[in-house]
Amino acid sequence: MSKTKVEGQDVVQFDIKPVSYWVYTDGMEVRLYLNQATNYHTSYEVYRADGVSHLDDSGDLTLAPGLQAFSANGNILRQLSLTENELVLTSFPPRSAQIVIMRATAVAK
C-alpha cells in the first residue's frame, strides 16, 4: 500500500503500514470497511460503472473493468477507483492545496 501527497509542484510518495479493506458494492453504492467484524464503513456513490481509465505497459490509455465513485462527507471530497486488482482513494481536504492519494492492491477475494 502506498500514499502520495501532492501540493503544488511537490510530490511525496511513501509506503504505509499495510491495511486491510473490505469492499462491497451493489453497482449504485460502494461501501469501504476497515474491519470485517464491524458495520462501520464509508459510503461512496457510484458515478461511473463502465470502467476505469489507466495507462497500460506500453503507455496507451485503456479502460479496465471497474467503477468510480465519490463521497463528500465531513467537508472532504473523496474519489474512489476500483478494479479487480486495485483500489485508489483520492482525498481533497477543504481549504487545502494538498491532495492525498492512497493506492492498495488486492490480496484476496
N, C-alpha and C. Protein backbone atom coordinates (compact mmCIF):
# COMPACT_ATOMS: atom_id res chain seq x y z
N MET A 1 0.85 -1.16 0.00
CA MET A 1 0.00 0.00 0.00
C MET A 1 0.90 1.22 0.00
N SER A 2 0.51 2.22 -0.77
CA SER A 2 1.32 3.44 -0.82
C SER A 2 0.42 4.66 -0.67
N LYS A 3 1.05 5.75 -0.28
CA LYS A 3 0.36 7.01 -0.11
C LYS A 3 1.18 8.09 -0.79
N THR A 4 0.52 8.96 -1.53
CA THR A 4 1.18 10.04 -2.23
C THR A 4 0.52 11.36 -1.83
N LYS A 5 1.32 12.35 -1.50
CA LYS A 5 0.81 13.69 -1.20
C LYS A 5 1.28 14.62 -2.29
N VAL A 6 0.34 15.39 -2.83
CA VAL A 6 0.64 16.33 -3.90
C VAL A 6 0.21 17.72 -3.43
N GLU A 7 1.15 18.65 -3.50
CA GLU A 7 0.84 20.04 -3.15
C GLU A 7 1.63 20.93 -4.10
N GLY A 8 0.90 21.61 -4.97
CA GLY A 8 1.56 22.41 -5.99
C GLY A 8 2.42 21.52 -6.87
N GLN A 9 3.70 21.83 -6.97
CA GLN A 9 4.63 21.04 -7.78
C GLN A 9 5.31 19.93 -6.97
N ASP A 10 5.07 19.90 -5.67
CA ASP A 10 5.73 18.93 -4.79
C ASP A 10 4.93 17.63 -4.72
N VAL A 11 5.61 16.51 -4.96
CA VAL A 11 5.00 15.18 -4.87
C VAL A 11 5.87 14.34 -3.94
N VAL A 12 5.24 13.82 -2.89
CA VAL A 12 5.95 12.98 -1.92
C VAL A 12 5.22 11.64 -1.87
N GLN A 13 5.95 10.56 -2.17
CA GLN A 13 5.36 9.23 -2.16
C GLN A 13 6.07 8.38 -1.12
N PHE A 14 5.29 7.62 -0.35
CA PHE A 14 5.88 6.74 0.65
C PHE A 14 4.98 5.54 0.90
N ASP A 15 5.59 4.46 1.34
CA ASP A 15 4.85 3.26 1.71
C ASP A 15 4.27 3.46 3.10
N ILE A 16 3.10 2.88 3.31
CA ILE A 16 2.50 2.95 4.63
C ILE A 16 2.23 1.54 5.14
N LYS A 17 1.98 1.45 6.41
CA LYS A 17 1.70 0.17 7.05
C LYS A 17 0.52 -0.51 6.34
N PRO A 18 0.63 -1.80 6.04
CA PRO A 18 -0.47 -2.48 5.35
C PRO A 18 -1.78 -2.40 6.14
N VAL A 19 -2.85 -2.16 5.42
CA VAL A 19 -4.19 -2.08 6.00
C VAL A 19 -5.10 -2.96 5.15
N SER A 20 -5.99 -3.68 5.80
CA SER A 20 -6.95 -4.50 5.07
C SER A 20 -8.27 -3.75 4.95
N TYR A 21 -8.75 -3.61 3.73
CA TYR A 21 -10.06 -3.04 3.45
C TYR A 21 -10.96 -4.14 2.92
N TRP A 22 -12.23 -4.07 3.25
CA TRP A 22 -13.23 -4.94 2.63
C TRP A 22 -14.15 -4.03 1.85
N VAL A 23 -14.46 -4.43 0.63
CA VAL A 23 -15.25 -3.59 -0.27
C VAL A 23 -16.52 -4.33 -0.66
N TYR A 24 -17.63 -3.62 -0.59
CA TYR A 24 -18.93 -4.16 -1.03
C TYR A 24 -19.53 -3.16 -1.99
N THR A 25 -20.14 -3.65 -3.07
CA THR A 25 -20.87 -2.76 -3.98
C THR A 25 -22.09 -3.47 -4.53
N ASP A 26 -23.14 -2.68 -4.75
CA ASP A 26 -24.34 -3.17 -5.40
C ASP A 26 -24.47 -2.53 -6.79
N GLY A 27 -23.42 -1.81 -7.21
CA GLY A 27 -23.43 -1.14 -8.50
C GLY A 27 -23.89 0.31 -8.42
N MET A 28 -24.56 0.68 -7.33
CA MET A 28 -25.02 2.05 -7.13
C MET A 28 -24.24 2.74 -6.02
N GLU A 29 -23.75 1.93 -5.09
CA GLU A 29 -23.03 2.43 -3.92
C GLU A 29 -21.85 1.49 -3.65
N VAL A 30 -20.76 2.05 -3.17
CA VAL A 30 -19.61 1.26 -2.72
C VAL A 30 -19.47 1.51 -1.23
N ARG A 31 -19.29 0.44 -0.47
CA ARG A 31 -19.02 0.56 0.97
C ARG A 31 -17.62 0.05 1.23
N LEU A 32 -16.85 0.86 1.90
CA LEU A 32 -15.46 0.53 2.22
C LEU A 32 -15.36 0.33 3.73
N TYR A 33 -15.03 -0.90 4.13
CA TYR A 33 -14.91 -1.27 5.54
C TYR A 33 -13.44 -1.41 5.91
N LEU A 34 -13.07 -0.89 7.08
CA LEU A 34 -11.71 -1.07 7.59
C LEU A 34 -11.57 -2.35 8.37
N ASN A 35 -12.69 -2.88 8.86
CA ASN A 35 -12.66 -4.09 9.67
C ASN A 35 -13.86 -4.94 9.29
N GLN A 36 -13.64 -6.18 8.96
CA GLN A 36 -14.71 -7.05 8.51
C GLN A 36 -15.71 -7.35 9.63
N ALA A 37 -15.28 -7.22 10.88
CA ALA A 37 -16.13 -7.58 12.02
C ALA A 37 -17.07 -6.46 12.46
N THR A 38 -16.94 -5.28 11.90
CA THR A 38 -17.77 -4.15 12.32
C THR A 38 -18.65 -3.68 11.17
N ASN A 39 -19.68 -2.93 11.50
CA ASN A 39 -20.57 -2.41 10.48
C ASN A 39 -20.19 -0.99 10.07
N TYR A 40 -19.09 -0.43 10.65
CA TYR A 40 -18.66 0.92 10.32
C TYR A 40 -18.04 0.92 8.92
N HIS A 41 -18.51 1.83 8.07
CA HIS A 41 -18.00 1.91 6.71
C HIS A 41 -18.13 3.34 6.19
N THR A 42 -17.43 3.61 5.11
CA THR A 42 -17.58 4.85 4.37
C THR A 42 -18.29 4.51 3.07
N SER A 43 -19.35 5.25 2.78
CA SER A 43 -20.14 5.01 1.57
C SER A 43 -19.72 5.97 0.46
N TYR A 44 -19.68 5.45 -0.74
CA TYR A 44 -19.35 6.22 -1.93
C TYR A 44 -20.47 6.01 -2.95
N GLU A 45 -20.86 7.07 -3.63
CA GLU A 45 -21.89 6.98 -4.67
C GLU A 45 -21.22 6.72 -6.02
N VAL A 46 -21.63 5.65 -6.68
CA VAL A 46 -21.05 5.29 -7.98
C VAL A 46 -21.52 6.29 -9.03
N TYR A 47 -20.57 6.85 -9.79
CA TYR A 47 -20.91 7.73 -10.89
C TYR A 47 -20.46 7.18 -12.24
N ARG A 48 -19.63 6.15 -12.22
CA ARG A 48 -19.20 5.55 -13.48
C ARG A 48 -18.92 4.07 -13.23
N ALA A 49 -19.66 3.21 -13.95
CA ALA A 49 -19.51 1.77 -13.75
C ALA A 49 -19.06 1.05 -15.02
N ASP A 50 -18.63 1.82 -16.01
CA ASP A 50 -18.21 1.20 -17.27
C ASP A 50 -16.70 1.01 -17.37
N GLY A 51 -15.98 1.25 -16.28
CA GLY A 51 -14.55 1.01 -16.28
C GLY A 51 -13.75 2.16 -15.70
N VAL A 52 -12.45 1.89 -15.56
CA VAL A 52 -11.50 2.87 -15.01
C VAL A 52 -10.37 3.05 -16.02
N SER A 53 -10.12 4.28 -16.42
CA SER A 53 -9.04 4.56 -17.37
C SER A 53 -7.70 4.41 -16.69
N HIS A 54 -6.74 3.81 -17.40
CA HIS A 54 -5.39 3.69 -16.87
C HIS A 54 -4.42 3.50 -18.02
N LEU A 55 -3.14 3.71 -17.75
CA LEU A 55 -2.10 3.50 -18.76
C LEU A 55 -1.63 2.06 -18.70
N ASP A 56 -1.59 1.40 -19.86
CA ASP A 56 -1.08 0.02 -19.88
C ASP A 56 0.45 0.05 -19.96
N ASP A 57 1.06 -1.13 -20.06
CA ASP A 57 2.53 -1.22 -20.05
C ASP A 57 3.19 -0.48 -21.20
N SER A 58 2.47 -0.32 -22.32
CA SER A 58 3.04 0.37 -23.47
C SER A 58 2.77 1.87 -23.44
N GLY A 59 2.05 2.34 -22.40
CA GLY A 59 1.79 3.77 -22.29
C GLY A 59 0.49 4.21 -22.93
N ASP A 60 -0.30 3.27 -23.45
CA ASP A 60 -1.58 3.60 -24.07
C ASP A 60 -2.67 3.69 -23.01
N LEU A 61 -3.60 4.61 -23.19
CA LEU A 61 -4.71 4.76 -22.28
C LEU A 61 -5.77 3.72 -22.61
N THR A 62 -6.10 2.88 -21.64
CA THR A 62 -7.09 1.83 -21.85
C THR A 62 -8.14 1.89 -20.74
N LEU A 63 -9.20 1.12 -20.91
CA LEU A 63 -10.28 1.08 -19.94
C LEU A 63 -10.29 -0.30 -19.29
N ALA A 64 -10.05 -0.36 -17.98
CA ALA A 64 -10.08 -1.63 -17.25
C ALA A 64 -11.47 -1.78 -16.63
N PRO A 65 -11.98 -3.01 -16.54
CA PRO A 65 -13.27 -3.20 -15.88
C PRO A 65 -13.20 -2.69 -14.44
N GLY A 66 -14.20 -1.94 -14.03
CA GLY A 66 -14.22 -1.39 -12.69
C GLY A 66 -15.23 -0.28 -12.58
N LEU A 67 -15.16 0.44 -11.47
CA LEU A 67 -16.09 1.54 -11.26
C LEU A 67 -15.41 2.68 -10.53
N GLN A 68 -16.08 3.84 -10.59
CA GLN A 68 -15.59 5.03 -9.92
C GLN A 68 -16.74 5.60 -9.10
N ALA A 69 -16.42 6.13 -7.92
CA ALA A 69 -17.43 6.65 -7.02
C ALA A 69 -16.87 7.84 -6.25
N PHE A 70 -17.78 8.58 -5.56
CA PHE A 70 -17.32 9.72 -4.78
C PHE A 70 -18.08 9.80 -3.46
N SER A 71 -17.48 10.51 -2.53
CA SER A 71 -18.08 10.78 -1.23
C SER A 71 -17.74 12.21 -0.85
N ALA A 72 -18.69 12.91 -0.26
CA ALA A 72 -18.45 14.30 0.15
C ALA A 72 -18.79 14.48 1.62
N ASN A 73 -18.51 13.49 2.44
CA ASN A 73 -18.80 13.56 3.88
C ASN A 73 -17.73 14.34 4.62
N GLY A 74 -18.16 15.07 5.65
CA GLY A 74 -17.21 15.77 6.51
C GLY A 74 -16.40 16.84 5.81
N ASN A 75 -16.93 17.48 4.80
CA ASN A 75 -16.24 18.54 4.06
C ASN A 75 -14.99 18.05 3.33
N ILE A 76 -14.83 16.76 3.19
CA ILE A 76 -13.71 16.22 2.42
C ILE A 76 -14.29 15.49 1.22
N LEU A 77 -13.87 15.90 0.04
CA LEU A 77 -14.28 15.22 -1.18
C LEU A 77 -13.34 14.05 -1.40
N ARG A 78 -13.90 12.85 -1.56
CA ARG A 78 -13.11 11.64 -1.81
C ARG A 78 -13.56 11.01 -3.11
N GLN A 79 -12.61 10.57 -3.90
CA GLN A 79 -12.89 9.88 -5.14
C GLN A 79 -12.29 8.48 -5.04
N LEU A 80 -13.04 7.47 -5.46
CA LEU A 80 -12.62 6.08 -5.37
C LEU A 80 -12.62 5.48 -6.77
N SER A 81 -11.56 4.77 -7.11
CA SER A 81 -11.49 3.98 -8.34
C SER A 81 -11.22 2.54 -7.92
N LEU A 82 -12.03 1.63 -8.42
CA LEU A 82 -11.95 0.24 -8.02
C LEU A 82 -11.92 -0.67 -9.24
N THR A 83 -10.87 -1.49 -9.33
CA THR A 83 -10.79 -2.53 -10.34
C THR A 83 -10.61 -3.86 -9.61
N GLU A 84 -10.51 -4.92 -10.36
CA GLU A 84 -10.35 -6.24 -9.77
C GLU A 84 -9.09 -6.32 -8.91
N ASN A 85 -8.04 -5.61 -9.31
CA ASN A 85 -6.75 -5.72 -8.64
C ASN A 85 -6.33 -4.52 -7.81
N GLU A 86 -7.05 -3.41 -7.89
CA GLU A 86 -6.55 -2.20 -7.25
C GLU A 86 -7.67 -1.29 -6.75
N LEU A 87 -7.40 -0.65 -5.63
CA LEU A 87 -8.27 0.36 -5.06
C LEU A 87 -7.45 1.64 -4.94
N VAL A 88 -7.97 2.74 -5.48
CA VAL A 88 -7.30 4.03 -5.38
C VAL A 88 -8.27 5.02 -4.74
N LEU A 89 -7.85 5.62 -3.64
CA LEU A 89 -8.64 6.63 -2.94
C LEU A 89 -7.93 7.96 -3.05
N THR A 90 -8.63 8.97 -3.54
CA THR A 90 -8.07 10.31 -3.67
C THR A 90 -8.89 11.24 -2.79
N SER A 91 -8.22 11.97 -1.90
CA SER A 91 -8.90 12.87 -0.97
C SER A 91 -8.50 14.31 -1.25
N PHE A 92 -9.51 15.18 -1.21
CA PHE A 92 -9.31 16.61 -1.41
C PHE A 92 -9.81 17.33 -0.15
N PRO A 93 -8.92 17.57 0.84
CA PRO A 93 -9.34 18.23 2.08
C PRO A 93 -9.80 19.67 1.81
N PRO A 94 -10.72 20.17 2.66
CA PRO A 94 -11.19 21.55 2.49
C PRO A 94 -10.09 22.55 2.79
N ARG A 95 -10.13 23.67 2.10
CA ARG A 95 -9.19 24.77 2.33
C ARG A 95 -7.74 24.31 2.35
N SER A 96 -7.41 23.44 1.42
CA SER A 96 -6.04 22.94 1.35
C SER A 96 -5.66 22.76 -0.11
N ALA A 97 -4.41 23.02 -0.42
CA ALA A 97 -3.90 22.80 -1.77
C ALA A 97 -3.33 21.40 -1.89
N GLN A 98 -3.47 20.60 -0.84
CA GLN A 98 -2.87 19.27 -0.81
C GLN A 98 -3.89 18.21 -1.25
N ILE A 99 -3.45 17.28 -2.07
CA ILE A 99 -4.25 16.13 -2.49
C ILE A 99 -3.54 14.89 -1.97
N VAL A 100 -4.31 13.96 -1.40
CA VAL A 100 -3.74 12.73 -0.85
C VAL A 100 -4.29 11.55 -1.65
N ILE A 101 -3.38 10.71 -2.16
CA ILE A 101 -3.76 9.55 -2.98
C ILE A 101 -3.25 8.29 -2.28
N MET A 102 -4.17 7.38 -1.99
CA MET A 102 -3.80 6.09 -1.40
C MET A 102 -4.10 5.00 -2.41
N ARG A 103 -3.15 4.10 -2.58
CA ARG A 103 -3.27 3.01 -3.56
C ARG A 103 -3.08 1.70 -2.85
N ALA A 104 -4.06 0.79 -3.01
CA ALA A 104 -3.98 -0.54 -2.40
C ALA A 104 -4.14 -1.60 -3.48
N THR A 105 -3.46 -2.71 -3.30
CA THR A 105 -3.51 -3.83 -4.24
C THR A 105 -4.29 -4.97 -3.62
N ALA A 106 -5.11 -5.63 -4.43
CA ALA A 106 -5.90 -6.76 -3.93
C ALA A 106 -5.00 -7.91 -3.53
N VAL A 107 -5.30 -8.53 -2.40
CA VAL A 107 -4.54 -9.69 -1.95
C VAL A 107 -5.43 -10.93 -1.80
N ALA A 108 -6.74 -10.75 -1.70
CA ALA A 108 -7.66 -11.88 -1.57
C ALA A 108 -9.04 -11.45 -2.06
N LYS A 109 -9.82 -12.46 -2.45
CA LYS A 109 -11.19 -12.16 -2.91
C LYS A 109 -12.18 -12.88 -2.05
